[in-house]
N, C-alpha and C. Protein backbone atom coordinates (compact mmCIF):
# COMPACT_ATOMS: atom_id res chain seq x y z
N MET A 1 -3.31 -30.19 33.37
CA MET A 1 -2.97 -29.07 32.51
C MET A 1 -1.69 -29.36 31.72
N ASP A 2 -0.74 -30.04 32.38
CA ASP A 2 0.51 -30.37 31.68
C ASP A 2 0.25 -31.34 30.53
N ARG A 3 -0.70 -32.22 30.71
CA ARG A 3 -1.02 -33.18 29.65
C ARG A 3 -1.59 -32.46 28.42
N MET A 4 -2.43 -31.44 28.64
CA MET A 4 -2.98 -30.66 27.53
C MET A 4 -1.87 -29.89 26.82
N ASN A 5 -0.93 -29.35 27.58
CA ASN A 5 0.19 -28.62 26.97
C ASN A 5 1.05 -29.56 26.14
N ASP A 6 1.25 -30.79 26.63
CA ASP A 6 2.04 -31.76 25.87
C ASP A 6 1.34 -32.12 24.56
N LYS A 7 0.01 -32.29 24.62
CA LYS A 7 -0.75 -32.60 23.40
C LYS A 7 -0.68 -31.43 22.42
N LEU A 8 -0.78 -30.22 22.95
CA LEU A 8 -0.71 -29.04 22.09
C LEU A 8 0.67 -28.91 21.46
N ASP A 9 1.71 -29.15 22.24
CA ASP A 9 3.06 -29.11 21.68
C ASP A 9 3.24 -30.16 20.59
N ALA A 10 2.69 -31.34 20.80
CA ALA A 10 2.78 -32.40 19.79
C ALA A 10 2.02 -31.99 18.53
N LEU A 11 0.88 -31.36 18.71
CA LEU A 11 0.10 -30.90 17.56
C LEU A 11 0.88 -29.86 16.76
N TRP A 12 1.50 -28.90 17.45
CA TRP A 12 2.30 -27.87 16.75
C TRP A 12 3.49 -28.50 16.05
N ALA A 13 4.11 -29.52 16.65
CA ALA A 13 5.23 -30.19 16.00
C ALA A 13 4.79 -30.89 14.72
N GLU A 14 3.64 -31.55 14.76
CA GLU A 14 3.11 -32.19 13.55
C GLU A 14 2.77 -31.16 12.48
N TYR A 15 2.23 -30.05 12.89
CA TYR A 15 1.88 -28.99 11.94
C TYR A 15 3.14 -28.45 11.26
N ARG A 16 4.20 -28.22 12.04
CA ARG A 16 5.45 -27.73 11.46
C ARG A 16 6.04 -28.71 10.46
N GLU A 17 5.90 -30.01 10.75
CA GLU A 17 6.41 -31.01 9.81
C GLU A 17 5.57 -31.07 8.54
N ALA A 18 4.26 -30.90 8.68
CA ALA A 18 3.36 -30.97 7.53
C ALA A 18 3.45 -29.73 6.64
N CYS A 19 3.72 -28.59 7.24
CA CYS A 19 3.79 -27.33 6.49
C CYS A 19 5.15 -26.69 6.72
N PRO A 20 6.15 -27.08 5.95
CA PRO A 20 7.48 -26.49 6.16
C PRO A 20 7.50 -25.03 5.75
N ASP A 21 8.49 -24.33 6.24
CA ASP A 21 8.65 -22.92 5.88
C ASP A 21 8.94 -22.79 4.40
N PRO A 22 8.36 -21.78 3.74
CA PRO A 22 8.65 -21.59 2.32
C PRO A 22 10.10 -21.14 2.13
N GLU A 23 10.61 -21.46 0.99
CA GLU A 23 12.00 -21.08 0.71
C GLU A 23 12.07 -19.57 0.47
N PRO A 24 13.01 -18.89 1.16
CA PRO A 24 13.09 -17.43 1.03
C PRO A 24 13.40 -16.97 -0.38
N ALA A 25 14.14 -17.76 -1.17
CA ALA A 25 14.47 -17.33 -2.55
C ALA A 25 13.22 -17.25 -3.39
N ALA A 26 12.27 -18.19 -3.21
CA ALA A 26 11.04 -18.18 -4.01
C ALA A 26 10.18 -16.98 -3.61
N LEU A 27 10.13 -16.68 -2.34
CA LEU A 27 9.35 -15.53 -1.88
C LEU A 27 9.92 -14.23 -2.45
N THR A 28 11.22 -14.14 -2.51
CA THR A 28 11.86 -12.95 -3.07
C THR A 28 11.53 -12.78 -4.55
N VAL A 29 11.52 -13.87 -5.29
CA VAL A 29 11.19 -13.80 -6.71
C VAL A 29 9.73 -13.36 -6.89
N ILE A 30 8.84 -13.91 -6.10
CA ILE A 30 7.43 -13.52 -6.20
C ILE A 30 7.26 -12.04 -5.90
N MET A 31 7.94 -11.56 -4.85
CA MET A 31 7.85 -10.14 -4.53
C MET A 31 8.38 -9.29 -5.67
N GLY A 32 9.47 -9.71 -6.27
CA GLY A 32 10.05 -8.94 -7.35
C GLY A 32 9.19 -8.91 -8.60
N VAL A 33 8.52 -10.01 -8.87
CA VAL A 33 7.72 -10.10 -10.09
C VAL A 33 6.34 -9.47 -9.93
N VAL A 34 5.74 -9.59 -8.74
CA VAL A 34 4.36 -9.15 -8.56
C VAL A 34 4.28 -7.78 -7.89
N LEU A 35 4.96 -7.59 -6.79
CA LEU A 35 4.76 -6.39 -6.00
C LEU A 35 5.47 -5.16 -6.56
N ILE A 36 6.70 -5.30 -6.96
CA ILE A 36 7.47 -4.12 -7.41
C ILE A 36 6.83 -3.45 -8.63
N PRO A 37 6.39 -4.18 -9.66
CA PRO A 37 5.72 -3.49 -10.77
C PRO A 37 4.44 -2.77 -10.34
N GLN A 38 3.73 -3.28 -9.34
CA GLN A 38 2.54 -2.60 -8.88
C GLN A 38 2.87 -1.25 -8.26
N PHE A 39 3.96 -1.18 -7.53
CA PHE A 39 4.37 0.09 -6.92
C PHE A 39 4.89 1.06 -7.97
N GLN A 40 5.45 0.56 -9.05
CA GLN A 40 5.97 1.45 -10.09
C GLN A 40 4.86 2.04 -10.95
N LYS A 41 3.68 1.46 -10.92
CA LYS A 41 2.56 1.98 -11.70
C LYS A 41 1.83 3.11 -10.98
N ALA A 42 2.26 3.46 -9.79
CA ALA A 42 1.58 4.50 -9.01
C ALA A 42 1.64 5.84 -9.76
N LEU A 43 0.56 6.57 -9.68
CA LEU A 43 0.50 7.87 -10.34
C LEU A 43 1.39 8.87 -9.63
N VAL A 44 2.01 9.72 -10.41
CA VAL A 44 2.86 10.76 -9.86
C VAL A 44 2.21 12.10 -10.20
N TYR A 45 1.92 12.86 -9.19
CA TYR A 45 1.27 14.14 -9.40
C TYR A 45 2.32 15.24 -9.45
N SER A 46 2.13 16.16 -10.39
CA SER A 46 3.12 17.23 -10.53
C SER A 46 2.66 18.53 -9.87
N SER A 47 1.45 18.56 -9.37
CA SER A 47 0.98 19.78 -8.71
C SER A 47 0.66 19.47 -7.25
N ASN A 48 0.60 20.53 -6.46
CA ASN A 48 0.28 20.32 -5.05
C ASN A 48 -1.14 20.81 -4.78
N TYR A 49 -1.55 20.74 -3.55
CA TYR A 49 -2.91 21.09 -3.15
C TYR A 49 -3.25 22.54 -3.47
N VAL A 50 -2.32 23.44 -3.24
CA VAL A 50 -2.56 24.86 -3.48
C VAL A 50 -2.73 25.14 -4.97
N ASP A 51 -1.95 24.46 -5.81
CA ASP A 51 -2.09 24.65 -7.25
C ASP A 51 -3.47 24.21 -7.75
N VAL A 52 -3.96 23.10 -7.22
CA VAL A 52 -5.27 22.61 -7.63
C VAL A 52 -6.37 23.57 -7.19
N LEU A 53 -6.27 24.08 -5.97
CA LEU A 53 -7.27 25.05 -5.51
C LEU A 53 -7.22 26.33 -6.32
N ALA A 54 -6.03 26.79 -6.66
CA ALA A 54 -5.91 28.01 -7.45
C ALA A 54 -6.50 27.82 -8.85
N ALA A 55 -6.35 26.65 -9.41
CA ALA A 55 -6.92 26.40 -10.74
C ALA A 55 -8.44 26.33 -10.69
N ASP A 56 -8.99 25.81 -9.61
CA ASP A 56 -10.44 25.71 -9.49
C ASP A 56 -11.10 27.04 -9.14
N HIS A 57 -10.37 27.90 -8.46
CA HIS A 57 -10.93 29.17 -8.00
C HIS A 57 -10.02 30.33 -8.41
N PRO A 58 -10.13 30.78 -9.66
CA PRO A 58 -9.28 31.90 -10.07
C PRO A 58 -9.69 33.16 -9.32
N ASN A 59 -8.69 33.91 -8.91
CA ASN A 59 -8.96 35.10 -8.11
C ASN A 59 -8.01 36.20 -8.58
N THR A 60 -8.25 36.68 -9.77
CA THR A 60 -7.42 37.75 -10.29
C THR A 60 -8.24 39.03 -10.35
N TYR A 61 -7.55 40.14 -10.42
CA TYR A 61 -8.23 41.43 -10.49
C TYR A 61 -9.05 41.56 -11.76
N VAL A 62 -8.60 40.95 -12.84
CA VAL A 62 -9.34 41.04 -14.09
C VAL A 62 -10.68 40.34 -13.93
N ASP A 63 -10.71 39.19 -13.28
CA ASP A 63 -11.97 38.47 -13.07
C ASP A 63 -12.90 39.26 -12.17
N ILE A 64 -12.36 39.89 -11.18
CA ILE A 64 -13.19 40.68 -10.25
C ILE A 64 -13.78 41.88 -10.97
N LEU A 65 -12.95 42.58 -11.74
CA LEU A 65 -13.42 43.77 -12.44
C LEU A 65 -14.43 43.42 -13.54
N ASN A 66 -14.28 42.25 -14.17
CA ASN A 66 -15.24 41.85 -15.19
C ASN A 66 -16.55 41.36 -14.61
N GLY A 67 -16.55 41.12 -13.31
CA GLY A 67 -17.77 40.64 -12.67
C GLY A 67 -17.89 39.13 -12.67
N ASP A 68 -16.82 38.44 -13.08
CA ASP A 68 -16.87 36.98 -13.10
C ASP A 68 -16.88 36.40 -11.70
N ILE A 69 -16.24 37.08 -10.75
CA ILE A 69 -16.19 36.61 -9.36
C ILE A 69 -17.04 37.54 -8.53
N ARG A 70 -17.90 36.99 -7.73
CA ARG A 70 -18.75 37.84 -6.92
C ARG A 70 -18.54 37.51 -5.48
């Protein structure tokens, strides 16, 4: 079992040498150029849930008296 662990450790060491960690400055630039503009394009709603329901279902006395709401 120890021999398998040694082989696995050697494999991970070779992998780390073959694929070094990316430079943090480059990752920061990519995040700033790609991700931040995507978040800034998000829609901003000016009404809440109750306002939308009230607009879809008017419930005024004038509508009731006119027979528009049953």
